[in-house]
Amino acid sequence: TGRRFDFLGNFPLEHVNQKEGSVMLVDDYGHHPTEVDATIKAARAGWPDKRIVMVFQPHRYTRTRDLYDDFANTLDQVDILLMLDVYAAGEPVIPGADSRSLCRTIRQRGKLDPILVTEPGKIAAVLAQVLEDNDLILVQGAGNIGKIARTLADTKLRPVLSEDN
């Protein structure tokens, strides 16, 4: 796919949220809990001093349902989690296998408080609120999130008024 730990750049925070420092942006296609886990472990091994800020988009309701606990166990390893709605890929919604439910399950474990972002165009604005110097932003998933990652890089993480994602 060409989106395996794809380095998209380092970006100064002064243009994002007026803070000092910079952040790194990486895009990864992994969308199965095993792949996501491997990506998180690689990021921790390669940059142990960085907070991992993950932007994750679950891919397919059936996968989310079938691997629900695995996703919850894997995603709570990051420092900050922004989660988009499930990329349906033509599937109908499966109650309880949606991003809101997954965020709730992770939150109830008490280790992480995920942020549900229902509008992809608002990701940059949410990132601006949470980013700190030396963070690693890991954009993860197989849906339209690859385009979203490129938009973040092209705009240098700046919140924009409208994004067609």
N, C-alpha and C. Protein backbone atom coordinates (compact mmCIF):
# COMPACT_ATOMS: atom_id res chain seq x y z
N THR A 1 0.81 -1.20 0.00
CA THR A 1 0.00 0.00 0.00
C THR A 1 0.85 1.26 0.00
N GLY A 2 2.12 1.16 0.41
CA GLY A 2 2.97 2.34 0.47
C GLY A 2 2.73 3.18 1.70
N ARG A 3 1.92 2.72 2.62
CA ARG A 3 1.61 3.50 3.82
C ARG A 3 2.02 2.74 5.06
N ARG A 4 3.19 2.18 5.08
CA ARG A 4 3.70 1.50 6.27
C ARG A 4 4.73 2.39 6.92
N PHE A 5 4.39 2.95 8.06
CA PHE A 5 5.24 3.87 8.81
C PHE A 5 5.86 4.91 7.87
N ASP A 6 4.98 5.58 7.15
CA ASP A 6 5.35 6.58 6.15
C ASP A 6 5.57 7.93 6.85
N PHE A 7 6.83 8.36 6.92
CA PHE A 7 7.18 9.63 7.56
C PHE A 7 6.70 10.78 6.69
N LEU A 8 5.85 11.64 7.24
CA LEU A 8 5.30 12.76 6.48
C LEU A 8 5.91 14.10 6.86
N GLY A 9 6.76 14.12 7.89
CA GLY A 9 7.46 15.35 8.21
C GLY A 9 7.46 15.72 9.68
N ASN A 10 8.33 16.70 9.99
CA ASN A 10 8.36 17.34 11.30
C ASN A 10 7.75 18.73 11.12
N PHE A 11 6.93 19.14 12.06
CA PHE A 11 6.22 20.40 11.93
C PHE A 11 6.36 21.22 13.20
N PRO A 12 6.70 22.53 13.04
CA PRO A 12 6.81 23.39 14.22
C PRO A 12 5.44 23.64 14.83
N LEU A 13 5.39 23.65 16.15
CA LEU A 13 4.13 23.87 16.85
C LEU A 13 3.69 25.33 16.84
N GLU A 14 4.63 26.25 16.63
CA GLU A 14 4.28 27.66 16.71
C GLU A 14 3.16 28.04 15.74
N HIS A 15 3.07 27.33 14.59
CA HIS A 15 2.02 27.63 13.62
C HIS A 15 0.74 26.84 13.90
N VAL A 16 0.83 25.86 14.79
CA VAL A 16 -0.31 25.00 15.09
C VAL A 16 -1.06 25.49 16.33
N ASN A 17 -0.32 25.71 17.42
CA ASN A 17 -0.97 26.12 18.67
C ASN A 17 -0.13 27.11 19.48
N GLN A 18 0.79 27.80 18.82
CA GLN A 18 1.63 28.83 19.44
C GLN A 18 2.53 28.31 20.55
N LYS A 19 2.76 27.01 20.59
CA LYS A 19 3.69 26.45 21.56
C LYS A 19 5.07 26.32 20.92
N GLU A 20 6.08 26.20 21.76
CA GLU A 20 7.44 25.99 21.29
C GLU A 20 7.63 24.52 20.92
N GLY A 21 8.55 24.26 20.00
CA GLY A 21 8.91 22.90 19.68
C GLY A 21 8.33 22.41 18.37
N SER A 22 8.41 21.10 18.19
CA SER A 22 7.92 20.51 16.95
C SER A 22 7.37 19.11 17.22
N VAL A 23 6.65 18.60 16.23
CA VAL A 23 6.06 17.27 16.31
C VAL A 23 6.36 16.52 15.01
N MET A 24 6.34 15.21 15.09
CA MET A 24 6.58 14.35 13.94
C MET A 24 5.24 13.73 13.51
N LEU A 25 5.03 13.63 12.18
CA LEU A 25 3.81 13.04 11.64
C LEU A 25 4.14 11.79 10.84
N VAL A 26 3.50 10.67 11.19
CA VAL A 26 3.71 9.39 10.52
C VAL A 26 2.35 8.82 10.15
N ASP A 27 2.26 8.23 8.97
CA ASP A 27 1.03 7.60 8.49
C ASP A 27 1.28 6.10 8.35
N ASP A 28 0.32 5.29 8.79
CA ASP A 28 0.48 3.84 8.69
C ASP A 28 -0.86 3.20 8.34
N TYR A 29 -0.82 2.26 7.41
CA TYR A 29 -2.02 1.59 6.88
C TYR A 29 -2.56 0.52 7.82
N GLY A 30 -1.78 0.07 8.77
CA GLY A 30 -2.21 -1.03 9.64
C GLY A 30 -3.58 -0.78 10.23
N HIS A 31 -4.47 -1.77 10.10
CA HIS A 31 -5.84 -1.60 10.58
C HIS A 31 -6.35 -2.82 11.34
N HIS A 32 -5.53 -3.83 11.49
CA HIS A 32 -5.84 -5.01 12.30
C HIS A 32 -5.12 -4.81 13.63
N PRO A 33 -5.69 -5.23 14.76
CA PRO A 33 -5.04 -4.99 16.05
C PRO A 33 -3.59 -5.46 16.12
N THR A 34 -3.27 -6.57 15.47
CA THR A 34 -1.89 -7.06 15.47
C THR A 34 -0.96 -6.07 14.77
N GLU A 35 -1.41 -5.50 13.65
CA GLU A 35 -0.61 -4.52 12.92
C GLU A 35 -0.48 -3.22 13.71
N VAL A 36 -1.58 -2.79 14.30
CA VAL A 36 -1.56 -1.56 15.09
C VAL A 36 -0.62 -1.72 16.28
N ASP A 37 -0.69 -2.86 16.94
CA ASP A 37 0.19 -3.16 18.07
C ASP A 37 1.65 -3.11 17.65
N ALA A 38 1.97 -3.70 16.50
CA ALA A 38 3.35 -3.70 16.00
C ALA A 38 3.81 -2.27 15.71
N THR A 39 2.94 -1.45 15.17
CA THR A 39 3.29 -0.07 14.86
C THR A 39 3.55 0.72 16.15
N ILE A 40 2.70 0.54 17.14
CA ILE A 40 2.89 1.24 18.42
C ILE A 40 4.20 0.80 19.06
N LYS A 41 4.48 -0.50 19.05
CA LYS A 41 5.72 -1.00 19.65
C LYS A 41 6.95 -0.47 18.90
N ALA A 42 6.87 -0.41 17.58
CA ALA A 42 7.99 0.14 16.79
C ALA A 42 8.20 1.61 17.11
N ALA A 43 7.12 2.36 17.25
CA ALA A 43 7.23 3.78 17.59
C ALA A 43 7.84 3.96 18.98
N ARG A 44 7.41 3.16 19.93
CA ARG A 44 7.96 3.25 21.30
C ARG A 44 9.44 2.88 21.31
N ALA A 45 9.81 1.86 20.54
CA ALA A 45 11.22 1.44 20.49
C ALA A 45 12.08 2.49 19.79
N GLY A 46 11.57 3.07 18.72
CA GLY A 46 12.34 4.04 17.95
C GLY A 46 12.42 5.41 18.58
N TRP A 47 11.37 5.81 19.27
CA TRP A 47 11.31 7.13 19.88
C TRP A 47 10.75 7.02 21.29
N PRO A 48 11.51 6.44 22.21
CA PRO A 48 10.99 6.19 23.56
C PRO A 48 10.67 7.46 24.34
N ASP A 49 11.22 8.59 23.91
CA ASP A 49 10.99 9.84 24.64
C ASP A 49 9.78 10.61 24.12
N LYS A 50 9.11 10.11 23.10
CA LYS A 50 7.97 10.82 22.51
C LYS A 50 6.64 10.29 23.04
N ARG A 51 5.69 11.20 23.22
CA ARG A 51 4.31 10.78 23.46
C ARG A 51 3.73 10.34 22.12
N ILE A 52 2.97 9.28 22.13
CA ILE A 52 2.31 8.83 20.91
C ILE A 52 0.88 9.36 20.92
N VAL A 53 0.60 10.21 19.93
CA VAL A 53 -0.73 10.76 19.72
C VAL A 53 -1.28 10.06 18.48
N MET A 54 -2.20 9.13 18.68
CA MET A 54 -2.71 8.35 17.56
C MET A 54 -4.05 8.90 17.08
N VAL A 55 -4.15 9.02 15.75
CA VAL A 55 -5.42 9.30 15.09
C VAL A 55 -5.80 8.00 14.40
N PHE A 56 -6.85 7.34 14.88
CA PHE A 56 -7.20 6.00 14.41
C PHE A 56 -8.59 5.98 13.80
N GLN A 57 -8.69 5.27 12.68
CA GLN A 57 -9.97 5.06 12.03
C GLN A 57 -10.20 3.56 11.89
N PRO A 58 -11.14 3.00 12.67
CA PRO A 58 -11.46 1.58 12.49
C PRO A 58 -11.94 1.33 11.07
N HIS A 59 -11.62 0.17 10.53
CA HIS A 59 -11.98 -0.18 9.16
C HIS A 59 -12.94 -1.36 9.18
N ARG A 60 -14.16 -1.11 8.81
CA ARG A 60 -15.26 -2.07 8.71
C ARG A 60 -15.87 -2.38 10.07
N TYR A 61 -17.18 -2.41 10.08
CA TYR A 61 -17.92 -2.75 11.31
C TYR A 61 -17.71 -4.20 11.70
N THR A 62 -17.65 -5.11 10.72
CA THR A 62 -17.47 -6.52 11.05
C THR A 62 -16.13 -6.76 11.72
N ARG A 63 -15.08 -6.13 11.22
CA ARG A 63 -13.76 -6.28 11.84
C ARG A 63 -13.77 -5.70 13.25
N THR A 64 -14.38 -4.53 13.40
CA THR A 64 -14.44 -3.90 14.72
C THR A 64 -15.20 -4.80 15.70
N ARG A 65 -16.30 -5.38 15.26
CA ARG A 65 -17.08 -6.28 16.12
C ARG A 65 -16.27 -7.53 16.48
N ASP A 66 -15.69 -8.16 15.46
CA ASP A 66 -15.00 -9.44 15.67
C ASP A 66 -13.73 -9.30 16.50
N LEU A 67 -13.09 -8.14 16.44
CA LEU A 67 -11.81 -7.93 17.13
C LEU A 67 -11.91 -6.82 18.18
N TYR A 68 -13.10 -6.58 18.66
CA TYR A 68 -13.40 -5.47 19.56
C TYR A 68 -12.46 -5.42 20.77
N ASP A 69 -12.36 -6.50 21.51
CA ASP A 69 -11.50 -6.52 22.70
C ASP A 69 -10.03 -6.35 22.33
N ASP A 70 -9.62 -6.93 21.21
CA ASP A 70 -8.24 -6.77 20.76
C ASP A 70 -7.95 -5.30 20.44
N PHE A 71 -8.90 -4.63 19.78
CA PHE A 71 -8.72 -3.20 19.51
C PHE A 71 -8.61 -2.41 20.81
N ALA A 72 -9.50 -2.67 21.75
CA ALA A 72 -9.47 -1.94 23.03
C ALA A 72 -8.14 -2.16 23.75
N ASN A 73 -7.65 -3.39 23.76
CA ASN A 73 -6.38 -3.70 24.42
C ASN A 73 -5.20 -3.04 23.73
N THR A 74 -5.25 -2.94 22.42
CA THR A 74 -4.15 -2.36 21.65
C THR A 74 -4.16 -0.84 21.72
N LEU A 75 -5.31 -0.24 21.50
CA LEU A 75 -5.38 1.21 21.41
C LEU A 75 -5.11 1.91 22.73
N ASP A 76 -5.30 1.23 23.85
CA ASP A 76 -5.05 1.92 25.12
C ASP A 76 -3.57 1.97 25.48
N GLN A 77 -2.71 1.57 24.55
CA GLN A 77 -1.25 1.67 24.76
C GLN A 77 -0.70 3.04 24.39
N VAL A 78 -1.47 3.85 23.65
CA VAL A 78 -0.97 5.16 23.23
C VAL A 78 -1.21 6.17 24.34
N ASP A 79 -0.61 7.35 24.19
CA ASP A 79 -0.75 8.39 25.21
C ASP A 79 -2.01 9.22 25.01
N ILE A 80 -2.32 9.51 23.76
CA ILE A 80 -3.54 10.25 23.41
C ILE A 80 -4.14 9.56 22.19
N LEU A 81 -5.46 9.36 22.22
CA LEU A 81 -6.14 8.69 21.12
C LEU A 81 -7.28 9.55 20.61
N LEU A 82 -7.18 9.91 19.32
CA LEU A 82 -8.29 10.53 18.61
C LEU A 82 -8.86 9.45 17.70
N MET A 83 -10.15 9.21 17.79
CA MET A 83 -10.75 8.16 16.98
C MET A 83 -11.83 8.73 16.07
N LEU A 84 -11.71 8.37 14.80
CA LEU A 84 -12.72 8.72 13.81
C LEU A 84 -13.81 7.66 13.79
N ASP A 85 -14.92 7.99 13.15
CA ASP A 85 -15.96 6.99 12.95
C ASP A 85 -15.41 5.84 12.11
N VAL A 86 -16.03 4.68 12.25
CA VAL A 86 -15.65 3.50 11.47
C VAL A 86 -15.79 3.81 9.99
N TYR A 87 -14.78 3.43 9.22
CA TYR A 87 -14.87 3.49 7.76
C TYR A 87 -15.62 2.24 7.33
N ALA A 88 -16.86 2.40 6.91
CA ALA A 88 -17.76 1.26 6.69
C ALA A 88 -17.38 0.38 5.51
N ALA A 89 -16.76 0.93 4.49
CA ALA A 89 -16.44 0.17 3.27
C ALA A 89 -17.67 -0.57 2.74
N GLY A 90 -18.80 0.11 2.78
CA GLY A 90 -20.03 -0.46 2.24
C GLY A 90 -20.84 -1.30 3.20
N GLU A 91 -20.32 -1.54 4.39
CA GLU A 91 -21.05 -2.37 5.36
C GLU A 91 -22.10 -1.55 6.10
N PRO A 92 -23.19 -2.20 6.53
CA PRO A 92 -24.16 -1.51 7.38
C PRO A 92 -23.60 -1.36 8.80
N VAL A 93 -24.11 -0.37 9.50
CA VAL A 93 -23.70 -0.15 10.89
C VAL A 93 -24.08 -1.37 11.73
N ILE A 94 -23.17 -1.78 12.60
CA ILE A 94 -23.44 -2.85 13.55
C ILE A 94 -23.45 -2.21 14.94
N PRO A 95 -24.62 -2.17 15.59
CA PRO A 95 -24.70 -1.56 16.92
C PRO A 95 -23.69 -2.19 17.88
N GLY A 96 -23.00 -1.33 18.62
CA GLY A 96 -22.00 -1.80 19.58
C GLY A 96 -20.63 -2.03 18.98
N ALA A 97 -20.52 -1.94 17.66
CA ALA A 97 -19.23 -2.12 16.98
C ALA A 97 -18.82 -0.81 16.30
N ASP A 98 -19.20 0.29 16.91
CA ASP A 98 -18.91 1.61 16.35
C ASP A 98 -17.82 2.29 17.18
N SER A 99 -17.34 3.39 16.68
CA SER A 99 -16.25 4.10 17.35
C SER A 99 -16.65 4.66 18.71
N ARG A 100 -17.88 5.14 18.83
CA ARG A 100 -18.34 5.66 20.12
C ARG A 100 -18.29 4.57 21.19
N SER A 101 -18.75 3.37 20.85
CA SER A 101 -18.72 2.25 21.80
C SER A 101 -17.29 1.87 22.16
N LEU A 102 -16.41 1.84 21.15
CA LEU A 102 -15.02 1.48 21.40
C LEU A 102 -14.35 2.52 22.30
N CYS A 103 -14.62 3.80 22.06
CA CYS A 103 -14.08 4.85 22.93
C CYS A 103 -14.58 4.67 24.36
N ARG A 104 -15.85 4.36 24.51
CA ARG A 104 -16.43 4.17 25.84
C ARG A 104 -15.75 3.01 26.57
N THR A 105 -15.54 1.91 25.87
CA THR A 105 -14.90 0.74 26.47
C THR A 105 -13.48 1.08 26.93
N ILE A 106 -12.73 1.77 26.09
CA ILE A 106 -11.36 2.15 26.44
C ILE A 106 -11.38 3.10 27.64
N ARG A 107 -12.27 4.07 27.63
CA ARG A 107 -12.38 5.04 28.73
C ARG A 107 -12.71 4.35 30.05
N GLN A 108 -13.59 3.36 30.01
CA GLN A 108 -14.00 2.66 31.24
C GLN A 108 -12.86 1.90 31.89
N ARG A 109 -11.84 1.57 31.13
CA ARG A 109 -10.68 0.88 31.69
C ARG A 109 -9.83 1.81 32.55
N GLY A 110 -10.01 3.12 32.38
CA GLY A 110 -9.37 4.08 33.25
C GLY A 110 -7.95 4.48 32.89
N LYS A 111 -7.40 3.96 31.81
CA LYS A 111 -6.02 4.26 31.44
C LYS A 111 -5.92 5.42 30.45
N LEU A 112 -6.95 5.60 29.65
CA LEU A 112 -6.91 6.55 28.54
C LEU A 112 -8.31 7.12 28.33
N ASP A 113 -8.38 8.39 27.96
CA ASP A 113 -9.67 9.03 27.67
C ASP A 113 -9.70 9.40 26.18
N PRO A 114 -10.16 8.48 25.34
CA PRO A 114 -10.15 8.74 23.89
C PRO A 114 -11.03 9.93 23.52
N ILE A 115 -10.67 10.57 22.43
CA ILE A 115 -11.43 11.70 21.90
C ILE A 115 -12.07 11.25 20.60
N LEU A 116 -13.39 11.21 20.56
CA LEU A 116 -14.11 10.83 19.34
C LEU A 116 -14.24 12.07 18.46
N VAL A 117 -13.75 11.96 17.23
CA VAL A 117 -13.83 13.06 16.27
C VAL A 117 -14.73 12.59 15.13
N THR A 118 -15.96 13.08 15.12
CA THR A 118 -16.93 12.61 14.14
C THR A 118 -16.84 13.32 12.80
N GLU A 119 -16.12 14.43 12.76
CA GLU A 119 -15.93 15.17 11.52
C GLU A 119 -14.44 15.21 11.20
N PRO A 120 -14.00 14.50 10.16
CA PRO A 120 -12.57 14.46 9.83
C PRO A 120 -11.95 15.85 9.65
N GLY A 121 -12.72 16.81 9.18
CA GLY A 121 -12.20 18.15 8.98
C GLY A 121 -11.81 18.86 10.27
N LYS A 122 -12.17 18.28 11.41
CA LYS A 122 -11.85 18.89 12.71
C LYS A 122 -10.64 18.26 13.39
N ILE A 123 -10.01 17.31 12.73
CA ILE A 123 -8.86 16.64 13.35
C ILE A 123 -7.74 17.62 13.68
N ALA A 124 -7.40 18.48 12.73
CA ALA A 124 -6.30 19.42 12.97
C ALA A 124 -6.60 20.33 14.16
N ALA A 125 -7.85 20.77 14.29
CA ALA A 125 -8.22 21.64 15.41
C ALA A 125 -8.11 20.89 16.74
N VAL A 126 -8.51 19.63 16.76
CA VAL A 126 -8.40 18.84 17.99
C VAL A 126 -6.93 18.58 18.31
N LEU A 127 -6.15 18.26 17.28
CA LEU A 127 -4.71 18.06 17.50
C LEU A 127 -4.07 19.31 18.09
N ALA A 128 -4.46 20.47 17.59
CA ALA A 128 -3.89 21.73 18.09
C ALA A 128 -4.11 21.89 19.60
N GLN A 129 -5.19 21.32 20.11
CA GLN A 129 -5.50 21.43 21.54
C GLN A 129 -4.66 20.48 22.39
N VAL A 130 -4.20 19.38 21.82
CA VAL A 130 -3.53 18.36 22.64
C VAL A 130 -2.03 18.23 22.40
N LEU A 131 -1.53 18.74 21.28
CA LEU A 131 -0.12 18.52 20.94
C LEU A 131 0.84 19.28 21.85
N GLU A 132 1.96 18.63 22.13
CA GLU A 132 3.05 19.22 22.89
C GLU A 132 4.36 18.96 22.14
N ASP A 133 5.39 19.68 22.53
CA ASP A 133 6.70 19.50 21.91
C ASP A 133 7.12 18.03 21.96
N ASN A 134 7.68 17.57 20.86
CA ASN A 134 8.28 16.25 20.75
C ASN A 134 7.28 15.11 20.57
N ASP A 135 5.99 15.43 20.37
CA ASP A 135 4.99 14.38 20.16
C ASP A 135 5.20 13.69 18.81
N LEU A 136 4.79 12.44 18.76
CA LEU A 136 4.74 11.66 17.52
C LEU A 136 3.27 11.44 17.20
N ILE A 137 2.81 12.02 16.10
CA ILE A 137 1.43 11.82 15.66
C ILE A 137 1.44 10.62 14.73
N LEU A 138 0.68 9.62 15.08
CA LEU A 138 0.60 8.38 14.31
C LEU A 138 -0.81 8.29 13.75
N VAL A 139 -0.94 8.48 12.43
CA VAL A 139 -2.24 8.40 11.76
C VAL A 139 -2.36 6.97 11.25
N GLN A 140 -3.38 6.26 11.73
CA GLN A 140 -3.43 4.81 11.58
C GLN A 140 -4.78 4.36 11.04
N GLY A 141 -4.76 3.52 9.98
CA GLY A 141 -5.99 2.93 9.48
C GLY A 141 -5.98 2.74 7.98
N ALA A 142 -7.06 2.11 7.48
CA ALA A 142 -7.11 1.71 6.07
C ALA A 142 -8.19 2.41 5.26
N GLY A 143 -9.03 3.22 5.87
CA GLY A 143 -10.09 3.88 5.13
C GLY A 143 -9.58 5.12 4.42
N ASN A 144 -10.34 6.21 4.53
CA ASN A 144 -9.92 7.46 3.90
C ASN A 144 -8.93 8.22 4.77
N ILE A 145 -8.46 7.60 5.82
CA ILE A 145 -7.54 8.26 6.74
C ILE A 145 -6.19 8.57 6.09
N GLY A 146 -5.80 7.82 5.07
CA GLY A 146 -4.56 8.13 4.35
C GLY A 146 -4.64 9.50 3.70
N LYS A 147 -5.79 9.83 3.14
CA LYS A 147 -5.99 11.16 2.56
C LYS A 147 -5.97 12.22 3.65
N ILE A 148 -6.56 11.90 4.78
CA ILE A 148 -6.58 12.82 5.91
C ILE A 148 -5.15 13.10 6.38
N ALA A 149 -4.32 12.07 6.44
CA ALA A 149 -2.92 12.24 6.85
C ALA A 149 -2.19 13.18 5.89
N ARG A 150 -2.42 12.99 4.59
CA ARG A 150 -1.78 13.87 3.59
C ARG A 150 -2.25 15.31 3.74
N THR A 151 -3.54 15.48 4.02
CA THR A 151 -4.07 16.83 4.23
C THR A 151 -3.41 17.48 5.44
N LEU A 152 -3.26 16.73 6.51
CA LEU A 152 -2.57 17.26 7.70
C LEU A 152 -1.15 17.70 7.34
N ALA A 153 -0.44 16.88 6.57
CA ALA A 153 0.92 17.23 6.17
C ALA A 153 0.93 18.45 5.25
N ASP A 154 0.03 18.46 4.27
CA ASP A 154 -0.01 19.57 3.31
C ASP A 154 -0.33 20.91 3.97
N THR A 155 -1.14 20.88 5.01
CA THR A 155 -1.51 22.11 5.72
C THR A 155 -0.59 22.37 6.92
N LYS A 156 0.43 21.53 7.07
CA LYS A 156 1.37 21.64 8.18
C LYS A 156 0.65 21.61 9.53
N LEU A 157 -0.37 20.76 9.61
CA LEU A 157 -1.17 20.51 10.81
C LEU A 157 -2.04 21.68 11.23
N ARG A 158 -2.07 22.73 10.42
CA ARG A 158 -2.87 23.90 10.80
C ARG A 158 -4.35 23.59 10.62
N PRO A 159 -5.16 23.98 11.60
CA PRO A 159 -6.60 23.87 11.41
C PRO A 159 -7.03 24.74 10.23
N VAL A 160 -7.85 24.21 9.37
CA VAL A 160 -8.35 24.96 8.21
C VAL A 160 -9.87 25.02 8.30
N LEU A 161 -10.44 25.97 7.60
CA LEU A 161 -11.88 26.18 7.70
C LEU A 161 -12.69 25.04 7.11
N SER A 162 -12.20 24.47 6.01
CA SER A 162 -12.94 23.34 5.43
C SER A 162 -11.95 22.38 4.80
N GLU A 163 -12.20 21.12 5.03
CA GLU A 163 -11.37 20.06 4.45
C GLU A 163 -12.32 19.05 3.84
N ASP A 164 -12.11 18.71 2.59
CA ASP A 164 -12.93 17.67 1.95
C ASP A 164 -12.30 16.33 2.21
N ASN A 165 -12.75 15.69 3.25
CA ASN A 165 -12.22 14.37 3.59
C ASN A 165 -13.34 13.40 3.54
